[in-house]
Amino acid sequence: MRIKKGDLVQVLAGKDRGKQGRVLEARPRDRRVILENLNTAKRHTKPRPIRDSTRMGGANIIPGGIIDTPMPLDISNVMIVCPTCRQPTRVGVKVKQLKGETIRVRVCKRDGCRQEID
């Protein structure tokens, strides 16, 4: 999976198509990502007490209500935004030699850019 936590991505399909957001969590096994403030679902929650919050005084309570929860998106529905050309792009991998070690670097595949993403 060529998308990592902290990458800026653009949504290609779904209710948030065309919007950009940061990756909060990447799940390579499921091939899904969770984006900041995008693809949210409303969840109704009850107020709950917090256990052992202060060990003194009364119990603290997590307030209930309607909470927006970010939901996972399939990685086929997002595309990385290149930090140099600011365009959504496919990602290539280039093998680079640095101090005698081979390092794999993600690269923008757009014509005329070809800059490193990492």
PDB file of N, CA and C in Angstrom:
ATOM      1  N   MET A   1       0.846  -1.172   0.000  1.00  0.00           N
ATOM      2  CA  MET A   1       0.000   0.000   0.000  1.00  0.00           C
ATOM      3  C   MET A   1       0.895   1.240   0.000  1.00  0.00           C
ATOM      4  N   ARG A   2       0.647   2.171  -0.896  1.00  0.00           N
ATOM      5  CA  ARG A   2       1.534   3.313  -1.071  1.00  0.00           C
ATOM      6  C   ARG A   2       1.018   4.578  -0.404  1.00  0.00           C
ATOM      7  N   ILE A   3      -0.023   4.437   0.403  1.00  0.00           N
ATOM      8  CA  ILE A   3      -0.554   5.567   1.157  1.00  0.00           C
ATOM      9  C   ILE A   3      -0.197   5.360   2.617  1.00  0.00           C
ATOM     10  N   LYS A   4       0.337   6.417   3.254  1.00  0.00           N
ATOM     11  CA  LYS A   4       0.782   6.319   4.641  1.00  0.00           C
ATOM     12  C   LYS A   4       0.043   7.334   5.503  1.00  0.00           C
ATOM     13  N   LYS A   5       0.153   7.139   6.805  1.00  0.00           N
ATOM     14  CA  LYS A   5      -0.429   8.059   7.763  1.00  0.00           C
ATOM     15  C   LYS A   5       0.208   9.439   7.588  1.00  0.00           C
ATOM     16  N   GLY A   6      -0.618  10.477   7.542  1.00  0.00           N
ATOM     17  CA  GLY A   6      -0.121  11.842   7.397  1.00  0.00           C
ATOM     18  C   GLY A   6      -0.113  12.359   5.972  1.00  0.00           C
ATOM     19  N   ASP A   7      -0.355  11.502   4.984  1.00  0.00           N
ATOM     20  CA  ASP A   7      -0.384  11.939   3.584  1.00  0.00           C
ATOM     21  C   ASP A   7      -1.626  12.779   3.315  1.00  0.00           C
ATOM     22  N   LEU A   8      -1.484  13.742   2.398  1.00  0.00           N
ATOM     23  CA  LEU A   8      -2.621  14.515   1.918  1.00  0.00           C
ATOM     24  C   LEU A   8      -3.186  13.787   0.708  1.00  0.00           C
ATOM     25  N   VAL A   9      -4.485  13.445   0.750  1.00  0.00           N
ATOM     26  CA  VAL A   9      -5.099  12.698  -0.343  1.00  0.00           C
ATOM     27  C   VAL A   9      -6.363  13.403  -0.806  1.00  0.00           C
ATOM     28  N   GLN A  10      -6.776  13.081  -2.033  1.00  0.00           N
ATOM     29  CA  GLN A  10      -8.019  13.596  -2.593  1.00  0.00           C
ATOM     30  C   GLN A  10      -8.965  12.434  -2.806  1.00  0.00           C
ATOM     31  N   VAL A  11     -10.242  12.632  -2.450  1.00  0.00           N
ATOM     32  CA  VAL A  11     -11.249  11.581  -2.573  1.00  0.00           C
ATOM     33  C   VAL A  11     -11.750  11.558  -4.012  1.00  0.00           C
ATOM     34  N   LEU A  12     -11.776  10.365  -4.632  1.00  0.00           N
ATOM     35  CA  LEU A  12     -12.182  10.211  -6.029  1.00  0.00           C
ATOM     36  C   LEU A  12     -13.635   9.803  -6.177  1.00  0.00           C
ATOM     37  N   ALA A  13     -14.201   9.137  -5.174  1.00  0.00           N
ATOM     38  CA  ALA A  13     -15.571   8.638  -5.291  1.00  0.00           C
ATOM     39  C   ALA A  13     -16.251   8.705  -3.933  1.00  0.00           C
ATOM     40  N   GLY A  14     -17.569   8.806  -3.969  1.00  0.00           N
ATOM     41  CA  GLY A  14     -18.339   8.841  -2.737  1.00  0.00           C
ATOM     42  C   GLY A  14     -18.923  10.216  -2.478  1.00  0.00           C
ATOM     43  N   LYS A  15     -19.503  10.395  -1.315  1.00  0.00           N
ATOM     44  CA  LYS A  15     -20.196  11.641  -1.003  1.00  0.00           C
ATOM     45  C   LYS A  15     -19.246  12.829  -0.848  1.00  0.00           C
ATOM     46  N   ASP A  16     -17.968  12.569  -0.582  1.00  0.00           N
ATOM     47  CA  ASP A  16     -16.977  13.637  -0.413  1.00  0.00           C
ATOM     48  C   ASP A  16     -16.053  13.760  -1.616  1.00  0.00           C
ATOM     49  N   ARG A  17     -16.517  13.372  -2.810  1.00  0.00           N
ATOM     50  CA  ARG A  17     -15.684  13.396  -4.008  1.00  0.00           C
ATOM     51  C   ARG A  17     -15.148  14.800  -4.272  1.00  0.00           C
ATOM     52  N   GLY A  18     -13.829  14.881  -4.548  1.00  0.00           N
ATOM     53  CA  GLY A  18     -13.192  16.146  -4.865  1.00  0.00           C
ATOM     54  C   GLY A  18     -12.564  16.840  -3.669  1.00  0.00           C
ATOM     55  N   LYS A  19     -12.883  16.402  -2.463  1.00  0.00           N
ATOM     56  CA  LYS A  19     -12.337  17.040  -1.264  1.00  0.00           C
ATOM     57  C   LYS A  19     -10.989  16.425  -0.904  1.00  0.00           C
ATOM     58  N   GLN A  20     -10.170  17.219  -0.204  1.00  0.00           N
ATOM     59  CA  GLN A  20      -8.854  16.765   0.219  1.00  0.00           C
ATOM     60  C   GLN A  20      -8.790  16.678   1.733  1.00  0.00           C
ATOM     61  N   GLY A  21      -8.023  15.711   2.238  1.00  0.00           N
ATOM     62  CA  GLY A  21      -7.873  15.556   3.679  1.00  0.00           C
ATOM     63  C   GLY A  21      -6.639  14.739   4.014  1.00  0.00           C
ATOM     64  N   ARG A  22      -6.244  14.794   5.274  1.00  0.00           N
ATOM     65  CA  ARG A  22      -5.088  14.054   5.769  1.00  0.00           C
ATOM     66  C   ARG A  22      -5.500  12.662   6.214  1.00  0.00           C
ATOM     67  N   VAL A  23      -4.579  11.707   6.057  1.00  0.00           N
ATOM     68  CA  VAL A  23      -4.821  10.332   6.475  1.00  0.00           C
ATOM     69  C   VAL A  23      -4.532  10.239   7.975  1.00  0.00           C
ATOM     70  N   LEU A  24      -5.552   9.861   8.748  1.00  0.00           N
ATOM     71  CA  LEU A  24      -5.384   9.680  10.190  1.00  0.00           C
ATOM     72  C   LEU A  24      -4.862   8.288  10.511  1.00  0.00           C
ATOM     73  N   GLU A  25      -5.334   7.308   9.729  1.00  0.00           N
ATOM     74  CA  GLU A  25      -4.973   5.917   9.995  1.00  0.00           C
ATOM     75  C   GLU A  25      -4.978   5.156   8.683  1.00  0.00           C
ATOM     76  N   ALA A  26      -3.977   4.326   8.475  1.00  0.00           N
ATOM     77  CA  ALA A  26      -3.903   3.468   7.292  1.00  0.00           C
ATOM     78  C   ALA A  26      -4.009   2.020   7.751  1.00  0.00           C
ATOM     79  N   ARG A  27      -4.879   1.255   7.087  1.00  0.00           N
ATOM     80  CA  ARG A  27      -5.063  -0.158   7.423  1.00  0.00           C
ATOM     81  C   ARG A  27      -4.712  -1.006   6.205  1.00  0.00           C
ATOM     82  N   PRO A  28      -3.429  -1.388   6.054  1.00  0.00           N
ATOM     83  CA  PRO A  28      -2.993  -2.111   4.864  1.00  0.00           C
ATOM     84  C   PRO A  28      -3.665  -3.471   4.700  1.00  0.00           C
ATOM     85  N   ARG A  29      -3.932  -4.163   5.796  1.00  0.00           N
ATOM     86  CA  ARG A  29      -4.548  -5.488   5.701  1.00  0.00           C
ATOM     87  C   ARG A  29      -5.957  -5.399   5.108  1.00  0.00           C
ATOM     88  N   ASP A  30      -6.703  -4.348   5.466  1.00  0.00           N
ATOM     89  CA  ASP A  30      -8.056  -4.158   4.950  1.00  0.00           C
ATOM     90  C   ASP A  30      -8.077  -3.323   3.673  1.00  0.00           C
ATOM     91  N   ARG A  31      -6.925  -2.737   3.303  1.00  0.00           N
ATOM     92  CA  ARG A  31      -6.811  -1.828   2.166  1.00  0.00           C
ATOM     93  C   ARG A  31      -7.763  -0.638   2.314  1.00  0.00           C
ATOM     94  N   ARG A  32      -7.763  -0.068   3.512  1.00  0.00           N
ATOM     95  CA  ARG A  32      -8.628   1.064   3.819  1.00  0.00           C
ATOM     96  C   ARG A  32      -7.846   2.148   4.544  1.00  0.00           C
ATOM     97  N   VAL A  33      -8.340   3.389   4.439  1.00  0.00           N
ATOM     98  CA  VAL A  33      -7.758   4.523   5.153  1.00  0.00           C
ATOM     99  C   VAL A  33      -8.876   5.309   5.833  1.00  0.00           C
ATOM    100  N   ILE A  34      -8.526   5.976   6.936  1.00  0.00           N
ATOM    101  CA  ILE A  34      -9.459   6.867   7.622  1.00  0.00           C
ATOM    102  C   ILE A  34      -8.933   8.278   7.442  1.00  0.00           C
ATOM    103  N   LEU A  35      -9.803   9.188   6.948  1.00  0.00           N
ATOM    104  CA  LEU A  35      -9.404  10.553   6.659  1.00  0.00           C
ATOM    105  C   LEU A  35      -9.969  11.517   7.689  1.00  0.00           C
ATOM    106  N   GLU A  36      -9.248  12.611   7.886  1.00  0.00           N
ATOM    107  CA  GLU A  36      -9.641  13.618   8.855  1.00  0.00           C
ATOM    108  C   GLU A  36     -10.822  14.430   8.322  1.00  0.00           C
ATOM    109  N   ASN A  37     -11.936  14.435   9.051  1.00  0.00           N
ATOM    110  CA  ASN A  37     -13.148  15.209   8.752  1.00  0.00           C
ATOM    111  C   ASN A  37     -13.798  14.868   7.412  1.00  0.00           C
ATOM    112  N   LEU A  38     -13.518  13.703   6.856  1.00  0.00           N
ATOM    113  CA  LEU A  38     -14.167  13.279   5.614  1.00  0.00           C
ATOM    114  C   LEU A  38     -14.762  11.893   5.818  1.00  0.00           C
ATOM    115  N   ASN A  39     -15.810  11.579   5.052  1.00  0.00           N
ATOM    116  CA  ASN A  39     -16.510  10.299   5.121  1.00  0.00           C
ATOM    117  C   ASN A  39     -16.953   9.999   6.557  1.00  0.00           C
ATOM    118  N   THR A  40     -17.637  10.963   7.155  1.00  0.00           N
ATOM    119  CA  THR A  40     -18.092  10.808   8.536  1.00  0.00           C
ATOM    120  C   THR A  40     -19.503  10.249   8.569  1.00  0.00           C
ATOM    121  N   ALA A  41     -19.792   9.542   9.649  1.00  0.00           N
ATOM    122  CA  ALA A  41     -21.131   9.010   9.897  1.00  0.00           C
ATOM    123  C   ALA A  41     -21.564   9.489  11.274  1.00  0.00           C
ATOM    124  N   LYS A  42     -22.840   9.755  11.421  1.00  0.00           N
ATOM    125  CA  LYS A  42     -23.357  10.206  12.707  1.00  0.00           C
ATOM    126  C   LYS A  42     -23.681   8.998  13.568  1.00  0.00           C
ATOM    127  N   ARG A  43     -23.198   9.023  14.802  1.00  0.00           N
ATOM    128  CA  ARG A  43     -23.458   7.955  15.760  1.00  0.00           C
ATOM    129  C   ARG A  43     -24.117   8.543  16.989  1.00  0.00           C
ATOM    130  N   HIS A  44     -25.210   7.920  17.424  1.00  0.00           N
ATOM    131  CA  HIS A  44     -25.913   8.366  18.622  1.00  0.00           C
ATOM    132  C   HIS A  44     -25.338   7.607  19.816  1.00  0.00           C
ATOM    133  N   THR A  45     -24.862   8.333  20.816  1.00  0.00           N
ATOM    134  CA  THR A  45     -24.244   7.684  21.964  1.00  0.00           C
ATOM    135  C   THR A  45     -24.933   8.112  23.255  1.00  0.00           C
ATOM    136  N   LYS A  46     -24.908   7.213  24.234  1.00  0.00           N
ATOM    137  CA  LYS A  46     -25.441   7.505  25.562  1.00  0.00           C
ATOM    138  C   LYS A  46     -24.333   8.112  26.419  1.00  0.00           C
ATOM    139  N   PRO A  47     -24.690   8.922  27.416  1.00  0.00           N
ATOM    140  CA  PRO A  47     -23.662   9.392  28.352  1.00  0.00           C
ATOM    141  C   PRO A  47     -23.138   8.219  29.178  1.00  0.00           C
ATOM    142  N   ARG A  48     -21.803   8.161  29.358  1.00  0.00           N
ATOM    143  CA  ARG A  48     -21.200   7.061  30.106  1.00  0.00           C
ATOM    144  C   ARG A  48     -20.252   7.608  31.158  1.00  0.00           C
ATOM    145  N   PRO A  49     -20.216   6.980  32.326  1.00  0.00           N
ATOM    146  CA  PRO A  49     -19.235   7.417  33.332  1.00  0.00           C
ATOM    147  C   PRO A  49     -17.836   6.903  32.982  1.00  0.00           C
ATOM    148  N   ILE A  50     -16.824   7.680  33.359  1.00  0.00           N
ATOM    149  CA  ILE A  50     -15.434   7.287  33.148  1.00  0.00           C
ATOM    150  C   ILE A  50     -14.963   6.581  34.413  1.00  0.00           C
ATOM    151  N   ARG A  51     -14.356   5.417  34.265  1.00  0.00           N
ATOM    152  CA  ARG A  51     -13.864   4.665  35.420  1.00  0.00           C
ATOM    153  C   ARG A  51     -12.537   5.214  35.901  1.00  0.00           C
ATOM    154  N   ASP A  52     -12.385   5.335  37.217  1.00  0.00           N
ATOM    155  CA  ASP A  52     -11.138   5.738  37.862  1.00  0.00           C
ATOM    156  C   ASP A  52     -10.524   6.982  37.224  1.00  0.00           C
ATOM    157  N   SER A  53     -11.344   7.994  36.978  1.00  0.00           N
ATOM    158  CA  SER A  53     -10.819   9.185  36.321  1.00  0.00           C
ATOM    159  C   SER A  53      -9.944  10.007  37.257  1.00  0.00           C
ATOM    160  N   THR A  54     -10.391  10.189  38.499  1.00  0.00           N
ATOM    161  CA  THR A  54      -9.582  10.966  39.437  1.00  0.00           C
ATOM    162  C   THR A  54      -9.316  10.197  40.721  1.00  0.00           C
ATOM    163  N   ARG A  55     -10.053   9.143  40.957  1.00  0.00           N
ATOM    164  CA  ARG A  55      -9.981   8.341  42.185  1.00  0.00           C
ATOM    165  C   ARG A  55     -10.395   9.131  43.413  1.00  0.00           C
ATOM    166  N   MET A  56     -10.751  10.354  43.203  1.00  0.00           N
ATOM    167  CA  MET A  56     -11.250  11.194  44.285  1.00  0.00           C
ATOM    168  C   MET A  56     -12.463  11.931  43.749  1.00  0.00           C
ATOM    169  N   GLY A  57     -13.377  12.252  44.571  1.00  0.00           N
ATOM    170  CA  GLY A  57     -14.531  13.009  44.130  1.00  0.00           C
ATOM    171  C   GLY A  57     -15.488  12.159  43.325  1.00  0.00           C
ATOM    172  N   GLY A  58     -16.395  12.814  42.617  1.00  0.00           N
ATOM    173  CA  GLY A  58     -17.432  12.129  41.857  1.00  0.00           C
ATOM    174  C   GLY A  58     -16.925  11.594  40.539  1.00  0.00           C
ATOM    175  N   ALA A  59     -17.753  10.780  39.941  1.00  0.00           N
ATOM    176  CA  ALA A  59     -17.390  10.177  38.657  1.00  0.00           C
ATOM    177  C   ALA A  59     -17.592  11.188  37.540  1.00  0.00           C
ATOM    178  N   ASN A  60     -16.647  11.244  36.611  1.00  0.00           N
ATOM    179  CA  ASN A  60     -16.796  12.087  35.426  1.00  0.00           C
ATOM    180  C   ASN A  60     -17.631  11.348  34.403  1.00  0.00           C
ATOM    181  N   ILE A  61     -18.297  12.109  33.543  1.00  0.00           N
ATOM    182  CA  ILE A  61     -19.192  11.506  32.560  1.00  0.00           C
ATOM    183  C   ILE A  61     -18.804  11.975  31.162  1.00  0.00           C
ATOM    184  N   ILE A  62     -18.708  11.015  30.239  1.00  0.00           N
ATOM    185  CA  ILE A  62     -18.545  11.344  28.820  1.00  0.00           C
ATOM    186  C   ILE A  62     -19.926  11.733  28.312  1.00  0.00           C
ATOM    187  N   PRO A  63     -20.076  12.940  27.753  1.00  0.00           N
ATOM    188  CA  PRO A  63     -21.415  13.360  27.334  1.00  0.00           C
ATOM    189  C   PRO A  63     -21.925  12.541  26.146  1.00  0.00           C
ATOM    190  N   GLY A  64     -23.224  12.380  26.092  1.00  0.00           N
ATOM    191  CA  GLY A  64     -23.844  11.667  24.987  1.00  0.00           C
ATOM    192  C   GLY A  64     -24.275  12.645  23.911  1.00  0.00           C
ATOM    193  N   GLY A  65     -24.972  12.139  22.927  1.00  0.00           N
ATOM    194  CA  GLY A  65     -25.476  12.981  21.843  1.00  0.00           C
ATOM    195  C   GLY A  65     -25.110  12.396  20.496  1.00  0.00           C
ATOM    196  N   ILE A  66     -25.190  13.238  19.491  1.00  0.00           N
ATOM    197  CA  ILE A  66     -24.876  12.817  18.126  1.00  0.00           C
ATOM    198  C   ILE A  66     -23.433  13.199  17.835  1.00  0.00           C
ATOM    199  N   ILE A  67     -22.606  12.201  17.530  1.00  0.00           N
ATOM    200  CA  ILE A  67     -21.178  12.406  17.310  1.00  0.00           C
ATOM    201  C   ILE A  67     -20.826  12.008  15.881  1.00  0.00           C
ATOM    202  N   ASP A  68     -20.046  12.859  15.199  1.00  0.00           N
ATOM    203  CA  ASP A  68     -19.553  12.524  13.859  1.00  0.00           C
ATOM    204  C   ASP A  68     -18.319  11.646  13.999  1.00  0.00           C
ATOM    205  N   THR A  69     -18.386  10.435  13.451  1.00  0.00           N
ATOM    206  CA  THR A  69     -17.282   9.485  13.522  1.00  0.00           C
ATOM    207  C   THR A  69     -16.714   9.263  12.127  1.00  0.00           C
ATOM    208  N   PRO A  70     -15.397   9.425  11.925  1.00  0.00           N
ATOM    209  CA  PRO A  70     -14.832   9.147  10.598  1.00  0.00           C
ATOM    210  C   PRO A  70     -14.867   7.655  10.295  1.00  0.00           C
ATOM    211  N   MET A  71     -15.305   7.310   9.089  1.00  0.00           N
ATOM    212  CA  MET A  71     -15.424   5.916   8.670  1.00  0.00           C
ATOM    213  C   MET A  71     -14.333   5.605   7.639  1.00  0.00           C
ATOM    214  N   PRO A  72     -13.927   4.326   7.547  1.00  0.00           N
ATOM    215  CA  PRO A  72     -12.868   3.961   6.595  1.00  0.00           C
ATOM    216  C   PRO A  72     -13.315   4.078   5.139  1.00  0.00           C
ATOM    217  N   LEU A  73     -12.369   4.445   4.297  1.00  0.00           N
ATOM    218  CA  LEU A  73     -12.570   4.533   2.845  1.00  0.00           C
ATOM    219  C   LEU A  73     -11.622   3.548   2.177  1.00  0.00           C
ATOM    220  N   ASP A  74     -12.054   2.936   1.084  1.00  0.00           N
ATOM    221  CA  ASP A  74     -11.183   2.044   0.335  1.00  0.00           C
ATOM    222  C   ASP A  74     -10.088   2.858  -0.352  1.00  0.00           C
ATOM    223  N   ILE A  75      -8.869   2.309  -0.412  1.00  0.00           N
ATOM    224  CA  ILE A  75      -7.760   3.082  -0.981  1.00  0.00           C
ATOM    225  C   ILE A  75      -7.906   3.300  -2.484  1.00  0.00           C
ATOM    226  N   SER A  76      -8.778   2.520  -3.139  1.00  0.00           N
ATOM    227  CA  SER A  76      -8.998   2.750  -4.561  1.00  0.00           C
ATOM    228  C   SER A  76      -9.794   4.030  -4.793  1.00  0.00           C
ATOM    229  N   ASN A  77     -10.404   4.576  -3.748  1.00  0.00           N
ATOM    230  CA  ASN A  77     -11.206   5.790  -3.866  1.00  0.00           C
ATOM    231  C   ASN A  77     -10.453   7.053  -3.459  1.00  0.00           C
ATOM    232  N   VAL A  78      -9.161   6.935  -3.161  1.00  0.00           N
ATOM    233  CA  VAL A  78      -8.365   8.113  -2.827  1.00  0.00           C
ATOM    234  C   VAL A  78      -7.091   8.128  -3.667  1.00  0.00           C
ATOM    235  N   MET A  79      -6.543   9.340  -3.854  1.00  0.00           N
ATOM    236  CA  MET A  79      -5.321   9.505  -4.628  1.00  0.00           C
ATOM    237  C   MET A  79      -4.437  10.522  -3.918  1.00  0.00           C
ATOM    238  N   ILE A  80      -3.156  10.230  -3.818  1.00  0.00           N
ATOM    239  CA  ILE A  80      -2.217  11.109  -3.123  1.00  0.00           C
ATOM    240  C   ILE A  80      -2.061  12.423  -3.881  1.00  0.00           C
ATOM    241  N   VAL A  81      -1.985  13.535  -3.131  1.00  0.00           N
ATOM    242  CA  VAL A  81      -1.723  14.848  -3.708  1.00  0.00           C
ATOM    243  C   VAL A  81      -0.223  15.108  -3.578  1.00  0.00           C
ATOM    244  N   CYS A  82       0.431  15.365  -4.707  1.00  0.00           N
ATOM    245  CA  CYS A  82       1.880  15.615  -4.726  1.00  0.00           C
ATOM    246  C   CYS A  82       2.180  16.928  -4.011  1.00  0.00           C
ATOM    247  N   PRO A  83       3.156  16.943  -3.093  1.00  0.00           N
ATOM    248  CA  PRO A  83       3.462  18.177  -2.367  1.00  0.00           C
ATOM    249  C   PRO A  83       4.103  19.266  -3.230  1.00  0.00           C
ATOM    250  N   THR A  84       4.712  18.914  -4.365  1.00  0.00           N
ATOM    251  CA  THR A  84       5.361  19.934  -5.192  1.00  0.00           C
ATOM    252  C   THR A  84       4.427  20.493  -6.259  1.00  0.00           C
ATOM    253  N   CYS A  85       3.723  19.624  -6.999  1.00  0.00           N
ATOM    254  CA  CYS A  85       2.853  20.117  -8.077  1.00  0.00           C
ATOM    255  C   CYS A  85       1.413  20.325  -7.627  1.00  0.00           C
ATOM    256  N   ARG A  86       1.063  19.929  -6.392  1.00  0.00           N
ATOM    257  CA  ARG A  86      -0.264  20.120  -5.796  1.00  0.00           C
ATOM    258  C   ARG A  86      -1.399  19.506  -6.612  1.00  0.00           C
ATOM    259  N   GLN A  87      -1.092  18.427  -7.329  1.00  0.00           N
ATOM    260  CA  GLN A  87      -2.085  17.719  -8.137  1.00  0.00           C
ATOM    261  C   GLN A  87      -2.234  16.295  -7.620  1.00  0.00           C
ATOM    262  N   PRO A  88      -3.445  15.723  -7.702  1.00  0.00           N
ATOM    263  CA  PRO A  88      -3.581  14.302  -7.357  1.00  0.00           C
ATOM    264  C   PRO A  88      -2.798  13.465  -8.359  1.00  0.00           C
ATOM    265  N   THR A  89      -2.085  12.476  -7.875  1.00  0.00           N
ATOM    266  CA  THR A  89      -1.187  11.722  -8.736  1.00  0.00           C
ATOM    267  C   THR A  89      -1.142  10.256  -8.338  1.00  0.00           C
ATOM    268  N   ARG A  90      -0.730   9.434  -9.301  1.00  0.00           N
ATOM    269  CA  ARG A  90      -0.413   8.042  -8.981  1.00  0.00           C
ATOM    270  C   ARG A  90       0.977   8.025  -8.363  1.00  0.00           C
ATOM    271  N   VAL A  91       1.290   6.945  -7.688  1.00  0.00           N
ATOM    272  CA  VAL A  91       2.555   6.874  -6.963  1.00  0.00           C
ATOM    273  C   VAL A  91       3.423   5.778  -7.547  1.00  0.00           C
ATOM    274  N   GLY A  92       4.666   6.116  -7.844  1.00  0.00           N
ATOM    275  CA  GLY A  92       5.644   5.135  -8.273  1.00  0.00           C
ATOM    276  C   GLY A  92       6.685   4.962  -7.183  1.00  0.00           C
ATOM    277  N   VAL A  93       7.486   3.926  -7.301  1.00  0.00           N
ATOM    278  CA  VAL A  93       8.538   3.674  -6.323  1.00  0.00           C
ATOM    279  C   VAL A  93       9.870   3.646  -7.052  1.00  0.00           C
ATOM    280  N   LYS A  94      10.837   4.417  -6.528  1.00  0.00           N
ATOM    281  CA  LYS A  94      12.163   4.476  -7.120  1.00  0.00           C
ATOM    282  C   LYS A  94      13.151   3.958  -6.074  1.00  0.00           C
ATOM    283  N   VAL A  95      14.059   3.083  -6.506  1.00  0.00           N
ATOM    284  CA  VAL A  95      15.085   2.553  -5.600  1.00  0.00           C
ATOM    285  C   VAL A  95      16.275   3.494  -5.658  1.00  0.00           C
ATOM    286  N   LYS A  96      16.747   3.901  -4.481  1.00  0.00           N
ATOM    287  CA  LYS A  96      17.792   4.906  -4.382  1.00  0.00           C
ATOM    288  C   LYS A  96      18.917   4.380  -3.497  1.00  0.00           C
ATOM    289  N   GLN A  97      20.158   4.695  -3.852  1.00  0.00           N
ATOM    290  CA  GLN A  97      21.318   4.315  -3.039  1.00  0.00           C
ATOM    291  C   GLN A  97      21.706   5.503  -2.169  1.00  0.00           C
ATOM    292  N   LEU A  98      21.769   5.272  -0.842  1.00  0.00           N
ATOM    293  CA  LEU A  98      22.137   6.342   0.072  1.00  0.00           C
ATOM    294  C   LEU A  98      23.061   5.771   1.139  1.00  0.00           C
ATOM    295  N   LYS A  99      24.313   6.197   1.127  1.00  0.00           N
ATOM    296  CA  LYS A  99      25.334   5.726   2.082  1.00  0.00           C
ATOM    297  C   LYS A  99      25.465   4.209   2.071  1.00  0.00           C
ATOM    298  N   GLY A 100      25.434   3.629   0.897  1.00  0.00           N
ATOM    299  CA  GLY A 100      25.607   2.186   0.761  1.00  0.00           C
ATOM    300  C   GLY A 100      24.359   1.373   1.045  1.00  0.00           C
ATOM    301  N   GLU A 101      23.247   2.007   1.341  1.00  0.00           N
ATOM    302  CA  GLU A 101      21.990   1.302   1.612  1.00  0.00           C
ATOM    303  C   GLU A 101      20.997   1.590   0.491  1.00  0.00           C
ATOM    304  N   THR A 102      20.185   0.599   0.184  1.00  0.00           N
ATOM    305  CA  THR A 102      19.136   0.810  -0.818  1.00  0.00           C
ATOM    306  C   THR A 102      17.865   1.239  -0.096  1.00  0.00           C
ATOM    307  N   ILE A 103      17.288   2.342  -0.567  1.00  0.00           N
ATOM    308  CA  ILE A 103      16.077   2.899   0.024  1.00  0.00           C
ATOM    309  C   ILE A 103      15.025   3.022  -1.063  1.00  0.00           C
ATOM    310  N   ARG A 104      13.801   2.624  -0.740  1.00  0.00           N
ATOM    311  CA  ARG A 104      12.671   2.787  -1.667  1.00  0.00           C
ATOM    312  C   ARG A 104      11.997   4.118  -1.372  1.00  0.00           C
ATOM    313  N   VAL A 105      11.830   4.951  -2.406  1.00  0.00           N
ATOM    314  CA  VAL A 105      11.257   6.281  -2.255  1.00  0.00           C
ATOM    315  C   VAL A 105      10.016   6.386  -3.135  1.00  0.00           C
ATOM    316  N   ARG A 106       8.936   6.948  -2.585  1.00  0.00           N
ATOM    317  CA  ARG A 106       7.723   7.165  -3.381  1.00  0.00           C
ATOM    318  C   ARG A 106       7.917   8.382  -4.277  1.00  0.00           C
ATOM    319  N   VAL A 107       7.435   8.292  -5.528  1.00  0.00           N
ATOM    320  CA  VAL A 107       7.671   9.319  -6.541  1.00  0.00           C
ATOM    321  C   VAL A 107       6.357   9.674  -7.213  1.00  0.00           C
ATOM    322  N   CYS A 108       6.175  10.964  -7.533  1.00  0.00           N
ATOM    323  CA  CYS A 108       5.018  11.448  -8.301  1.00  0.00           C
ATOM    324  C   CYS A 108       5.144  10.951  -9.734  1.00  0.00           C
ATOM    325  N   LYS A 109       4.050  10.445 -10.321  1.00  0.00           N
ATOM    326  CA  LYS A 109       4.095   9.900 -11.679  1.00  0.00           C
ATOM    327  C   LYS A 109       3.641  10.904 -12.739  1.00  0.00           C
ATOM    328  N   ARG A 110       3.312  12.136 -12.344  1.00  0.00           N
ATOM    329  CA  ARG A 110       2.844  13.129 -13.315  1.00  0.00           C
ATOM    330  C   ARG A 110       3.966  13.557 -14.244  1.00  0.00           C
ATOM    331  N   ASP A 111       3.602  13.824 -15.494  1.00  0.00           N
ATOM    332  CA  ASP A 111       4.570  14.290 -16.485  1.00  0.00           C
ATOM    333  C   ASP A 111       5.091  15.666 -16.083  1.00  0.00           C
ATOM    334  N   GLY A 112       6.381  15.842 -16.103  1.00  0.00           N
ATOM    335  CA  GLY A 112       6.972  17.134 -15.772  1.00  0.00           C
ATOM    336  C   GLY A 112       7.267  17.313 -14.293  1.00  0.00           C
ATOM    337  N   CYS A 113       6.771  16.450 -13.434  1.00  0.00           N
ATOM    338  CA  CYS A 113       7.026  16.595 -11.990  1.00  0.00           C
ATOM    339  C   CYS A 113       8.073  15.588 -11.553  1.00  0.00           C
ATOM    340  N   ARG A 114       7.678  14.317 -11.445  1.00  0.00           N
ATOM    341  CA  ARG A 114       8.571  13.205 -11.076  1.00  0.00           C
ATOM    342  C   ARG A 114       9.374  13.462  -9.797  1.00  0.00           C
ATOM    343  N   GLN A 115       8.832  14.291  -8.871  1.00  0.00           N
ATOM    344  CA  GLN A 115       9.529  14.599  -7.624  1.00  0.00           C
ATOM    345  C   GLN A 115       9.222  13.562  -6.559  1.00  0.00           C
ATOM    346  N   GLU A 116      10.100  13.469  -5.568  1.00  0.00           N
ATOM    347  CA  GLU A 116       9.915  12.530  -4.471  1.00  0.00           C
ATOM    348  C   GLU A 116       8.811  13.036  -3.549  1.00  0.00           C
ATOM    349  N   ILE A 117       7.972  12.109  -3.082  1.00  0.00           N
ATOM    350  CA  ILE A 117       6.885  12.464  -2.172  1.00  0.00           C
ATOM    351  C   ILE A 117       7.385  12.421  -0.734  1.00  0.00           C
ATOM    352  N   ASP A 118       8.256  11.466  -0.410  1.00  0.00           N
ATOM    353  CA  ASP A 118       8.771  11.340   0.957  1.00  0.00           C
ATOM    354  C   ASP A 118       9.817  12.399   1.241  1.00  0.00           C
TER     355      ASP A 118
END
